[in-house]
Amino acid sequence: MKKKSYVFWGYIFMFAVAINGALIIRIFNLNFLYILSLYIILFILGLICLFLLFKSKN
């Protein structure tokens, strides 16, 4: 049950990042490659945070 809740919060985090990214694109009209690199960095940071959460709980 606990692992499922972590996956659930991970999906919520990714959804929030996607919404924020869409708003940033609308507001600033930034370059697509810049946005893509920002997403990759955020995705890697999210994976590291989830890995640390799993490691600390187990």
Protein backbone atom coordinates (compact mmCIF):
# COMPACT_ATOMS: atom_id res chain seq x y z
CA MET A 1 0.00 0.00 0.00
CA LYS A 2 2.77 2.45 0.86
CA LYS A 3 4.59 1.89 -2.44
CA LYS A 4 1.37 2.52 -4.36
CA SER A 5 0.91 5.83 -2.55
CA TYR A 6 4.46 6.87 -3.52
CA VAL A 7 3.72 6.05 -7.16
CA PHE A 8 0.47 8.02 -6.89
CA TRP A 9 2.26 11.10 -5.51
CA GLY A 10 4.91 10.70 -8.21
CA TYR A 11 2.23 10.85 -10.89
CA ILE A 12 0.68 13.91 -9.24
CA PHE A 13 4.13 15.57 -9.18
CA MET A 14 4.68 14.87 -12.90
CA PHE A 15 1.18 16.19 -13.71
CA ALA A 16 1.87 19.41 -11.76
CA VAL A 17 5.20 19.84 -13.57
CA ALA A 18 3.42 19.41 -16.92
CA ILE A 19 0.80 22.04 -16.03
CA ASN A 20 3.47 24.48 -14.84
CA GLY A 21 5.50 23.89 -18.00
CA ALA A 22 2.47 24.59 -20.19
CA LEU A 23 1.80 27.83 -18.30
CA ILE A 24 5.46 28.88 -18.64
CA ILE A 25 5.35 28.21 -22.40
CA ARG A 26 2.15 30.28 -22.72
CA ILE A 27 3.50 33.20 -20.71
CA PHE A 28 7.06 33.50 -22.03
CA ASN A 29 6.85 31.87 -25.51
CA LEU A 30 10.18 30.16 -24.89
CA ASN A 31 12.14 28.00 -27.29
CA PHE A 32 11.02 24.35 -27.54
CA LEU A 33 14.52 22.92 -27.04
CA TYR A 34 14.99 25.04 -23.92
CA ILE A 35 11.70 23.73 -22.50
CA LEU A 36 12.65 20.14 -23.41
CA SER A 37 16.02 20.39 -21.65
CA LEU A 38 14.30 21.91 -18.60
CA TYR A 39 11.84 18.98 -18.56
CA ILE A 40 14.67 16.43 -18.77
CA ILE A 41 16.45 18.08 -15.82
CA LEU A 42 13.22 18.15 -13.78
CA PHE A 43 12.50 14.51 -14.67
CA ILE A 44 15.98 13.41 -13.53
CA LEU A 45 15.61 15.38 -10.29
CA GLY A 46 12.21 13.80 -9.70
CA LEU A 47 13.64 10.31 -10.24
CA ILE A 48 16.49 11.03 -7.80
CA CYS A 49 14.02 12.29 -5.18
CA LEU A 50 11.80 9.21 -5.60
CA PHE A 51 14.84 6.93 -5.36
CA LEU A 52 15.96 8.63 -2.14
CA LEU A 53 12.43 8.30 -0.73
CA PHE A 54 12.37 4.57 -1.50
CA LYS A 55 15.86 4.11 -0.05
CA SER A 56 15.05 5.96 3.17
CA LYS A 57 11.81 4.02 3.73
CA ASN A 58 13.30 0.57 2.99
